[in-house]
Amino acid sequence: MTGAAGTRGRGLLGALVPAWLIAGTLDIGIASTWYPLTAGAHVLRIYQGIASGILGARAFDGGLATAALGLACHYLIALIWTAIYFLAYPRLPLLRRGRSASAVLYGCFVSAAMTFIVLPLSNVGPRPFRLQPFVIATVILIIAIGTPLAILADHHYARRAATR
């Protein structure tokens, strides 16, 4: 593409891809460390648990193949949340008020959406709400998703505004 629109598109994509990879990797890295250390969960089961959103309970019988599917699903979900943030950032003044507040707000939003909308509609199905796991997941999402996206989107849009 040429012209201003082409430059903006490459600029946004150039910011979005690293933000996605950083956020997705932080999130899965923290989960792959926290849950084995605190709950005795095996990393393979964590990834299969993600795949169970598509496959249901049979994901846990699929070995490495379903774990790989779960990891791929995780990164796809992280890409979607990253794209939503980067597209919402210039349109929602609340996200531009401060990085810390934005990180907390978006981490809480992602956690609530995953817990109360995405997971119940997936093949995981409805589960009883438990406050402690919800709070832990929310803190992880604030750190791993909200924080890098708030920093990187703020940097991207500030740099873009400076070049206008």
N, C-alpha and C. Protein backbone atom coordinates (compact mmCIF):
# COMPACT_ATOMS: atom_id res chain seq x y z
N MET A 1 0.84 -1.18 0.00
CA MET A 1 0.00 0.00 0.00
C MET A 1 0.88 1.24 0.00
N THR A 2 0.35 2.26 -0.58
CA THR A 2 1.06 3.52 -0.58
C THR A 2 0.19 4.58 0.02
N GLY A 3 0.79 5.73 0.26
CA GLY A 3 0.03 6.85 0.80
C GLY A 3 -0.13 6.74 2.30
N ALA A 4 -0.87 7.71 2.84
CA ALA A 4 -1.04 7.80 4.30
C ALA A 4 -1.74 6.59 4.88
N ALA A 5 -2.77 6.10 4.20
CA ALA A 5 -3.51 4.96 4.73
C ALA A 5 -2.63 3.73 4.81
N GLY A 6 -1.81 3.49 3.79
CA GLY A 6 -0.91 2.34 3.80
C GLY A 6 0.12 2.43 4.90
N THR A 7 0.65 3.63 5.12
CA THR A 7 1.64 3.83 6.17
C THR A 7 1.02 3.60 7.54
N ARG A 8 -0.20 4.13 7.75
CA ARG A 8 -0.87 3.92 9.03
C ARG A 8 -1.13 2.45 9.27
N GLY A 9 -1.57 1.72 8.26
CA GLY A 9 -1.86 0.29 8.41
C GLY A 9 -0.63 -0.48 8.81
N ARG A 10 0.50 -0.23 8.12
CA ARG A 10 1.74 -0.92 8.47
C ARG A 10 2.20 -0.49 9.85
N GLY A 11 2.00 0.77 10.20
CA GLY A 11 2.39 1.24 11.52
C GLY A 11 1.61 0.55 12.62
N LEU A 12 0.31 0.43 12.43
CA LEU A 12 -0.52 -0.24 13.43
C LEU A 12 -0.15 -1.71 13.52
N LEU A 13 0.00 -2.37 12.39
CA LEU A 13 0.37 -3.78 12.39
C LEU A 13 1.75 -3.98 13.02
N GLY A 14 2.65 -3.05 12.72
CA GLY A 14 4.00 -3.12 13.28
C GLY A 14 4.02 -2.96 14.79
N ALA A 15 3.02 -2.29 15.34
CA ALA A 15 2.91 -2.14 16.80
C ALA A 15 2.10 -3.28 17.41
N LEU A 16 1.07 -3.70 16.69
CA LEU A 16 0.16 -4.72 17.21
C LEU A 16 0.84 -6.09 17.34
N VAL A 17 1.62 -6.49 16.36
CA VAL A 17 2.22 -7.84 16.38
C VAL A 17 3.17 -8.02 17.57
N PRO A 18 4.12 -7.11 17.80
CA PRO A 18 4.96 -7.32 18.99
C PRO A 18 4.17 -7.25 20.29
N ALA A 19 3.18 -6.35 20.36
CA ALA A 19 2.36 -6.26 21.57
C ALA A 19 1.63 -7.58 21.81
N TRP A 20 1.08 -8.17 20.75
CA TRP A 20 0.40 -9.46 20.85
C TRP A 20 1.34 -10.55 21.35
N LEU A 21 2.53 -10.62 20.77
CA LEU A 21 3.47 -11.67 21.15
C LEU A 21 3.96 -11.49 22.59
N ILE A 22 4.19 -10.25 22.99
CA ILE A 22 4.63 -9.99 24.36
C ILE A 22 3.51 -10.35 25.34
N ALA A 23 2.31 -9.83 25.09
CA ALA A 23 1.19 -10.09 26.00
C ALA A 23 0.85 -11.58 26.05
N GLY A 24 0.77 -12.21 24.90
CA GLY A 24 0.43 -13.64 24.87
C GLY A 24 1.47 -14.49 25.57
N THR A 25 2.74 -14.15 25.38
CA THR A 25 3.82 -14.91 26.00
C THR A 25 3.89 -14.66 27.51
N LEU A 26 3.70 -13.41 27.93
CA LEU A 26 3.66 -13.14 29.37
C LEU A 26 2.51 -13.90 30.03
N ASP A 27 1.35 -13.86 29.40
CA ASP A 27 0.18 -14.52 29.99
C ASP A 27 0.39 -16.02 30.12
N ILE A 28 0.80 -16.67 29.05
CA ILE A 28 0.98 -18.13 29.11
C ILE A 28 2.19 -18.47 29.99
N GLY A 29 3.20 -17.61 30.00
CA GLY A 29 4.37 -17.85 30.85
C GLY A 29 4.03 -17.78 32.32
N ILE A 30 3.24 -16.77 32.71
CA ILE A 30 2.84 -16.65 34.11
C ILE A 30 1.94 -17.83 34.49
N ALA A 31 0.96 -18.14 33.64
CA ALA A 31 0.05 -19.26 33.94
C ALA A 31 0.81 -20.58 34.02
N SER A 32 1.80 -20.76 33.14
CA SER A 32 2.57 -22.00 33.11
C SER A 32 3.52 -22.12 34.29
N THR A 33 3.73 -21.04 34.99
CA THR A 33 4.56 -21.05 36.19
C THR A 33 3.70 -21.06 37.45
N TRP A 34 2.72 -20.16 37.51
CA TRP A 34 1.89 -20.00 38.71
C TRP A 34 1.11 -21.26 39.06
N TYR A 35 0.38 -21.78 38.10
CA TYR A 35 -0.52 -22.91 38.41
C TYR A 35 0.23 -24.20 38.75
N PRO A 36 1.33 -24.52 38.10
CA PRO A 36 2.09 -25.69 38.57
C PRO A 36 2.66 -25.50 39.98
N LEU A 37 3.12 -24.29 40.28
CA LEU A 37 3.70 -24.05 41.61
C LEU A 37 2.66 -24.00 42.72
N THR A 38 1.49 -23.48 42.43
CA THR A 38 0.50 -23.27 43.49
C THR A 38 -0.60 -24.32 43.52
N ALA A 39 -0.90 -24.92 42.38
CA ALA A 39 -2.00 -25.88 42.33
C ALA A 39 -1.56 -27.26 41.87
N GLY A 40 -0.28 -27.40 41.56
CA GLY A 40 0.22 -28.70 41.11
C GLY A 40 -0.23 -29.07 39.71
N ALA A 41 -0.73 -28.10 38.95
CA ALA A 41 -1.19 -28.37 37.59
C ALA A 41 0.00 -28.62 36.68
N HIS A 42 -0.13 -29.59 35.80
CA HIS A 42 0.90 -29.87 34.81
C HIS A 42 0.69 -28.95 33.62
N VAL A 43 1.78 -28.42 33.08
CA VAL A 43 1.69 -27.47 31.97
C VAL A 43 0.90 -28.06 30.80
N LEU A 44 1.12 -29.33 30.50
CA LEU A 44 0.39 -30.00 29.42
C LEU A 44 -1.11 -29.92 29.66
N ARG A 45 -1.53 -30.14 30.88
CA ARG A 45 -2.96 -30.06 31.22
C ARG A 45 -3.50 -28.64 31.11
N ILE A 46 -2.67 -27.65 31.42
CA ILE A 46 -3.09 -26.25 31.27
C ILE A 46 -3.41 -25.98 29.81
N TYR A 47 -2.52 -26.38 28.92
CA TYR A 47 -2.72 -26.14 27.48
C TYR A 47 -3.90 -26.95 26.96
N GLN A 48 -4.03 -28.20 27.44
CA GLN A 48 -5.18 -29.01 27.04
C GLN A 48 -6.48 -28.38 27.54
N GLY A 49 -6.41 -27.76 28.71
CA GLY A 49 -7.58 -27.07 29.24
C GLY A 49 -8.03 -25.95 28.33
N ILE A 50 -7.09 -25.27 27.73
CA ILE A 50 -7.43 -24.22 26.76
C ILE A 50 -8.09 -24.86 25.54
N ALA A 51 -7.53 -25.96 25.06
CA ALA A 51 -8.10 -26.66 23.90
C ALA A 51 -9.49 -27.20 24.20
N SER A 52 -9.79 -27.44 25.47
CA SER A 52 -11.12 -27.96 25.81
C SER A 52 -12.22 -26.96 25.49
N GLY A 53 -11.85 -25.71 25.28
CA GLY A 53 -12.83 -24.73 24.83
C GLY A 53 -13.39 -25.09 23.47
N ILE A 54 -12.62 -25.79 22.67
CA ILE A 54 -13.07 -26.26 21.35
C ILE A 54 -13.50 -27.71 21.42
N LEU A 55 -12.69 -28.55 22.06
CA LEU A 55 -12.88 -30.00 22.01
C LEU A 55 -13.67 -30.58 23.18
N GLY A 56 -13.90 -29.79 24.21
CA GLY A 56 -14.54 -30.32 25.40
C GLY A 56 -13.58 -31.21 26.16
N ALA A 57 -14.12 -32.11 26.97
CA ALA A 57 -13.31 -32.96 27.85
C ALA A 57 -12.35 -33.87 27.09
N ARG A 58 -12.65 -34.20 25.85
CA ARG A 58 -11.73 -35.09 25.11
C ARG A 58 -10.38 -34.44 24.82
N ALA A 59 -10.26 -33.13 25.02
CA ALA A 59 -8.96 -32.47 24.86
C ALA A 59 -7.92 -33.05 25.80
N PHE A 60 -8.35 -33.53 26.96
CA PHE A 60 -7.42 -34.06 27.95
C PHE A 60 -6.90 -35.46 27.59
N ASP A 61 -7.47 -36.06 26.55
CA ASP A 61 -7.01 -37.37 26.10
C ASP A 61 -6.13 -37.27 24.86
N GLY A 62 -5.85 -36.08 24.39
CA GLY A 62 -5.16 -35.90 23.11
C GLY A 62 -3.67 -35.71 23.17
N GLY A 63 -3.08 -35.76 24.34
CA GLY A 63 -1.63 -35.66 24.47
C GLY A 63 -1.09 -34.33 23.97
N LEU A 64 0.08 -34.41 23.34
CA LEU A 64 0.76 -33.21 22.86
C LEU A 64 -0.03 -32.49 21.77
N ALA A 65 -0.78 -33.24 20.97
CA ALA A 65 -1.53 -32.61 19.88
C ALA A 65 -2.57 -31.62 20.42
N THR A 66 -3.30 -32.01 21.44
CA THR A 66 -4.30 -31.08 21.96
C THR A 66 -3.65 -29.99 22.81
N ALA A 67 -2.50 -30.29 23.41
CA ALA A 67 -1.76 -29.23 24.11
C ALA A 67 -1.30 -28.17 23.11
N ALA A 68 -0.81 -28.61 21.96
CA ALA A 68 -0.39 -27.67 20.91
C ALA A 68 -1.58 -26.86 20.40
N LEU A 69 -2.72 -27.51 20.24
CA LEU A 69 -3.94 -26.80 19.85
C LEU A 69 -4.29 -25.75 20.90
N GLY A 70 -4.20 -26.11 22.16
CA GLY A 70 -4.49 -25.17 23.24
C GLY A 70 -3.56 -23.97 23.21
N LEU A 71 -2.29 -24.22 22.97
CA LEU A 71 -1.32 -23.12 22.90
C LEU A 71 -1.65 -22.21 21.71
N ALA A 72 -1.98 -22.81 20.57
CA ALA A 72 -2.38 -22.01 19.40
C ALA A 72 -3.64 -21.20 19.69
N CYS A 73 -4.61 -21.82 20.36
CA CYS A 73 -5.84 -21.11 20.74
C CYS A 73 -5.52 -19.95 21.68
N HIS A 74 -4.62 -20.19 22.62
CA HIS A 74 -4.22 -19.14 23.55
C HIS A 74 -3.70 -17.92 22.78
N TYR A 75 -2.80 -18.15 21.83
CA TYR A 75 -2.23 -17.03 21.08
C TYR A 75 -3.28 -16.37 20.18
N LEU A 76 -4.22 -17.13 19.66
CA LEU A 76 -5.30 -16.52 18.89
C LEU A 76 -6.15 -15.62 19.78
N ILE A 77 -6.49 -16.10 20.95
CA ILE A 77 -7.27 -15.29 21.90
C ILE A 77 -6.49 -14.04 22.29
N ALA A 78 -5.20 -14.18 22.54
CA ALA A 78 -4.36 -13.02 22.88
C ALA A 78 -4.33 -12.02 21.73
N LEU A 79 -4.30 -12.52 20.50
CA LEU A 79 -4.33 -11.63 19.33
C LEU A 79 -5.64 -10.84 19.29
N ILE A 80 -6.73 -11.52 19.54
CA ILE A 80 -8.04 -10.84 19.53
C ILE A 80 -8.09 -9.75 20.59
N TRP A 81 -7.67 -10.06 21.82
CA TRP A 81 -7.69 -9.06 22.89
C TRP A 81 -6.74 -7.91 22.59
N THR A 82 -5.61 -8.20 21.97
CA THR A 82 -4.66 -7.16 21.59
C THR A 82 -5.26 -6.25 20.52
N ALA A 83 -5.87 -6.84 19.51
CA ALA A 83 -6.49 -6.04 18.44
C ALA A 83 -7.62 -5.18 18.99
N ILE A 84 -8.42 -5.73 19.87
CA ILE A 84 -9.52 -4.95 20.47
C ILE A 84 -8.94 -3.74 21.21
N TYR A 85 -7.90 -3.96 21.99
CA TYR A 85 -7.32 -2.85 22.75
C TYR A 85 -6.77 -1.77 21.81
N PHE A 86 -5.98 -2.19 20.82
CA PHE A 86 -5.37 -1.23 19.91
C PHE A 86 -6.41 -0.48 19.08
N LEU A 87 -7.51 -1.12 18.76
CA LEU A 87 -8.57 -0.44 18.02
C LEU A 87 -9.40 0.46 18.94
N ALA A 88 -9.58 0.07 20.19
CA ALA A 88 -10.37 0.87 21.13
C ALA A 88 -9.58 2.07 21.66
N TYR A 89 -8.28 1.94 21.76
CA TYR A 89 -7.45 2.97 22.39
C TYR A 89 -7.70 4.38 21.85
N PRO A 90 -7.67 4.61 20.55
CA PRO A 90 -7.89 5.99 20.08
C PRO A 90 -9.34 6.45 20.20
N ARG A 91 -10.26 5.52 20.42
CA ARG A 91 -11.68 5.86 20.47
C ARG A 91 -12.23 6.03 21.88
N LEU A 92 -11.52 5.51 22.87
CA LEU A 92 -12.00 5.57 24.26
C LEU A 92 -11.04 6.41 25.11
N PRO A 93 -11.42 7.63 25.40
CA PRO A 93 -10.53 8.49 26.20
C PRO A 93 -10.13 7.88 27.54
N LEU A 94 -10.98 7.05 28.10
CA LEU A 94 -10.67 6.40 29.38
C LEU A 94 -9.36 5.60 29.31
N LEU A 95 -9.09 4.97 28.17
CA LEU A 95 -7.87 4.18 28.02
C LEU A 95 -6.63 5.05 27.94
N ARG A 96 -6.80 6.31 27.58
CA ARG A 96 -5.66 7.22 27.41
C ARG A 96 -5.37 8.05 28.65
N ARG A 97 -6.13 7.88 29.71
CA ARG A 97 -5.96 8.73 30.91
C ARG A 97 -4.72 8.37 31.72
N GLY A 98 -4.30 7.14 31.67
CA GLY A 98 -3.11 6.72 32.41
C GLY A 98 -2.86 5.25 32.18
N ARG A 99 -1.61 4.91 32.02
CA ARG A 99 -1.25 3.52 31.72
C ARG A 99 -1.68 2.55 32.81
N SER A 100 -1.44 2.91 34.05
CA SER A 100 -1.77 2.00 35.16
C SER A 100 -3.26 1.75 35.25
N ALA A 101 -4.03 2.81 35.20
CA ALA A 101 -5.48 2.67 35.27
C ALA A 101 -6.00 1.89 34.06
N SER A 102 -5.44 2.16 32.91
CA SER A 102 -5.84 1.46 31.70
C SER A 102 -5.52 -0.03 31.78
N ALA A 103 -4.34 -0.34 32.32
CA ALA A 103 -3.93 -1.75 32.47
C ALA A 103 -4.88 -2.49 33.39
N VAL A 104 -5.22 -1.87 34.52
CA VAL A 104 -6.13 -2.51 35.47
C VAL A 104 -7.52 -2.66 34.85
N LEU A 105 -8.01 -1.61 34.25
CA LEU A 105 -9.33 -1.63 33.63
C LEU A 105 -9.43 -2.71 32.56
N TYR A 106 -8.43 -2.78 31.68
CA TYR A 106 -8.50 -3.76 30.59
C TYR A 106 -8.29 -5.18 31.10
N GLY A 107 -7.38 -5.38 32.04
CA GLY A 107 -7.20 -6.71 32.62
C GLY A 107 -8.48 -7.21 33.27
N CYS A 108 -9.17 -6.33 33.99
CA CYS A 108 -10.46 -6.70 34.61
C CYS A 108 -11.52 -6.99 33.56
N PHE A 109 -11.54 -6.18 32.51
CA PHE A 109 -12.50 -6.39 31.43
C PHE A 109 -12.28 -7.74 30.74
N VAL A 110 -11.04 -8.05 30.41
CA VAL A 110 -10.72 -9.32 29.76
C VAL A 110 -11.08 -10.49 30.67
N SER A 111 -10.74 -10.38 31.94
CA SER A 111 -11.05 -11.45 32.88
C SER A 111 -12.55 -11.69 32.99
N ALA A 112 -13.31 -10.62 33.13
CA ALA A 112 -14.76 -10.75 33.23
C ALA A 112 -15.35 -11.32 31.95
N ALA A 113 -14.90 -10.84 30.80
CA ALA A 113 -15.42 -11.32 29.52
C ALA A 113 -15.10 -12.81 29.33
N MET A 114 -13.88 -13.21 29.67
CA MET A 114 -13.50 -14.62 29.53
C MET A 114 -14.30 -15.49 30.49
N THR A 115 -14.45 -15.04 31.72
CA THR A 115 -15.12 -15.82 32.76
C THR A 115 -16.63 -15.94 32.54
N PHE A 116 -17.25 -14.83 32.18
CA PHE A 116 -18.72 -14.79 32.16
C PHE A 116 -19.34 -14.89 30.77
N ILE A 117 -18.52 -14.76 29.71
CA ILE A 117 -19.06 -14.85 28.35
C ILE A 117 -18.37 -15.95 27.55
N VAL A 118 -17.05 -15.83 27.36
CA VAL A 118 -16.34 -16.74 26.46
C VAL A 118 -16.37 -18.18 26.97
N LEU A 119 -15.92 -18.41 28.20
CA LEU A 119 -15.87 -19.79 28.71
C LEU A 119 -17.25 -20.46 28.78
N PRO A 120 -18.28 -19.78 29.28
CA PRO A 120 -19.59 -20.44 29.31
C PRO A 120 -20.14 -20.78 27.91
N LEU A 121 -19.76 -19.99 26.91
CA LEU A 121 -20.23 -20.27 25.55
C LEU A 121 -19.36 -21.30 24.81
N SER A 122 -18.20 -21.61 25.38
CA SER A 122 -17.30 -22.59 24.76
C SER A 122 -17.71 -24.00 25.17
N ASN A 123 -16.94 -24.97 24.72
CA ASN A 123 -17.18 -26.36 25.11
C ASN A 123 -16.72 -26.66 26.53
N VAL A 124 -16.10 -25.69 27.19
CA VAL A 124 -15.80 -25.84 28.61
C VAL A 124 -17.12 -25.79 29.36
N GLY A 125 -18.01 -24.91 28.91
CA GLY A 125 -19.34 -24.80 29.49
C GLY A 125 -19.36 -24.03 30.78
N PRO A 126 -20.55 -23.83 31.31
CA PRO A 126 -20.69 -23.07 32.57
C PRO A 126 -20.01 -23.80 33.72
N ARG A 127 -19.38 -23.02 34.57
CA ARG A 127 -18.74 -23.56 35.77
C ARG A 127 -19.17 -22.69 36.94
N PRO A 128 -19.15 -23.25 38.14
CA PRO A 128 -19.49 -22.41 39.30
C PRO A 128 -18.45 -21.31 39.47
N PHE A 129 -18.92 -20.15 39.81
CA PHE A 129 -18.02 -19.02 40.04
C PHE A 129 -17.33 -19.19 41.38
N ARG A 130 -15.99 -19.02 41.36
CA ARG A 130 -15.21 -19.05 42.60
C ARG A 130 -14.36 -17.79 42.63
N LEU A 131 -14.50 -17.02 43.68
CA LEU A 131 -13.87 -15.71 43.77
C LEU A 131 -12.35 -15.77 43.72
N GLN A 132 -11.73 -16.64 44.51
CA GLN A 132 -10.27 -16.66 44.58
C GLN A 132 -9.62 -16.95 43.22
N PRO A 133 -10.04 -17.99 42.48
CA PRO A 133 -9.44 -18.21 41.16
C PRO A 133 -9.70 -17.05 40.20
N PHE A 134 -10.88 -16.44 40.32
CA PHE A 134 -11.20 -15.29 39.47
C PHE A 134 -10.26 -14.12 39.76
N VAL A 135 -10.00 -13.85 41.03
CA VAL A 135 -9.10 -12.75 41.40
C VAL A 135 -7.68 -13.04 40.91
N ILE A 136 -7.22 -14.27 41.09
CA ILE A 136 -5.88 -14.63 40.63
C ILE A 136 -5.78 -14.48 39.12
N ALA A 137 -6.75 -14.98 38.39
CA ALA A 137 -6.75 -14.84 36.93
C ALA A 137 -6.78 -13.38 36.52
N THR A 138 -7.55 -12.58 37.24
CA THR A 138 -7.64 -11.16 36.93
C THR A 138 -6.30 -10.46 37.14
N VAL A 139 -5.63 -10.76 38.23
CA VAL A 139 -4.32 -10.16 38.49
C VAL A 139 -3.33 -10.57 37.39
N ILE A 140 -3.35 -11.83 37.01
CA ILE A 140 -2.47 -12.29 35.93
C ILE A 140 -2.77 -11.51 34.65
N LEU A 141 -4.04 -11.32 34.33
CA LEU A 141 -4.40 -10.60 33.11
C LEU A 141 -4.06 -9.12 33.18
N ILE A 142 -4.14 -8.52 34.35
CA ILE A 142 -3.71 -7.12 34.49
C ILE A 142 -2.22 -7.01 34.20
N ILE A 143 -1.45 -7.93 34.76
CA ILE A 143 0.01 -7.90 34.58
C ILE A 143 0.41 -8.27 33.16
N ALA A 144 -0.15 -9.35 32.65
CA ALA A 144 0.32 -9.91 31.39
C ALA A 144 -0.34 -9.32 30.15
N ILE A 145 -1.58 -8.93 30.24
CA ILE A 145 -2.30 -8.40 29.07
C ILE A 145 -2.47 -6.88 29.21
N GLY A 146 -3.07 -6.43 30.29
CA GLY A 146 -3.35 -5.01 30.44
C GLY A 146 -2.11 -4.14 30.43
N THR A 147 -1.10 -4.52 31.19
CA THR A 147 0.09 -3.67 31.32
C THR A 147 0.87 -3.53 30.01
N PRO A 148 1.25 -4.62 29.35
CA PRO A 148 2.00 -4.39 28.10
C PRO A 148 1.17 -3.70 27.02
N LEU A 149 -0.12 -4.00 26.95
CA LEU A 149 -0.94 -3.35 25.93
C LEU A 149 -1.09 -1.86 26.23
N ALA A 150 -1.27 -1.50 27.50
CA ALA A 150 -1.38 -0.08 27.85
C ALA A 150 -0.10 0.67 27.50
N ILE A 151 1.04 0.08 27.81
CA ILE A 151 2.33 0.73 27.53
C ILE A 151 2.56 0.82 26.02
N LEU A 152 2.38 -0.28 25.32
CA LEU A 152 2.73 -0.32 23.90
C LEU A 152 1.74 0.46 23.03
N ALA A 153 0.46 0.42 23.36
CA ALA A 153 -0.51 1.21 22.59
C ALA A 153 -0.28 2.69 22.85
N ASP A 154 -0.04 3.07 24.10
CA ASP A 154 0.24 4.46 24.41
C ASP A 154 1.47 4.95 23.64
N HIS A 155 2.50 4.15 23.62
CA HIS A 155 3.72 4.50 22.88
C HIS A 155 3.43 4.63 21.39
N HIS A 156 2.71 3.67 20.84
CA HIS A 156 2.40 3.69 19.40
C HIS A 156 1.61 4.93 19.02
N TYR A 157 0.53 5.20 19.75
CA TYR A 157 -0.33 6.33 19.39
C TYR A 157 0.33 7.67 19.69
N ALA A 158 1.17 7.75 20.71
CA ALA A 158 1.91 8.99 20.99
C ALA A 158 2.91 9.27 19.87
N ARG A 159 3.60 8.24 19.41
CA ARG A 159 4.56 8.39 18.32
C ARG A 159 3.83 8.78 17.03
N ARG A 160 2.69 8.17 16.82
CA ARG A 160 1.90 8.49 15.63
C ARG A 160 1.42 9.94 15.66
N ALA A 161 0.97 10.40 16.83
CA ALA A 161 0.51 11.79 16.97
C ALA A 161 1.66 12.77 16.77
N ALA A 162 2.87 12.40 17.21
CA ALA A 162 4.02 13.28 17.08
C ALA A 162 4.45 13.45 15.63
N THR A 163 4.14 12.48 14.77
CA THR A 163 4.57 12.56 13.37
C THR A 163 3.52 13.22 12.48
N ARG A 164 2.39 13.62 13.07
CA ARG A 164 1.36 14.29 12.25
C ARG A 164 1.67 15.72 12.02
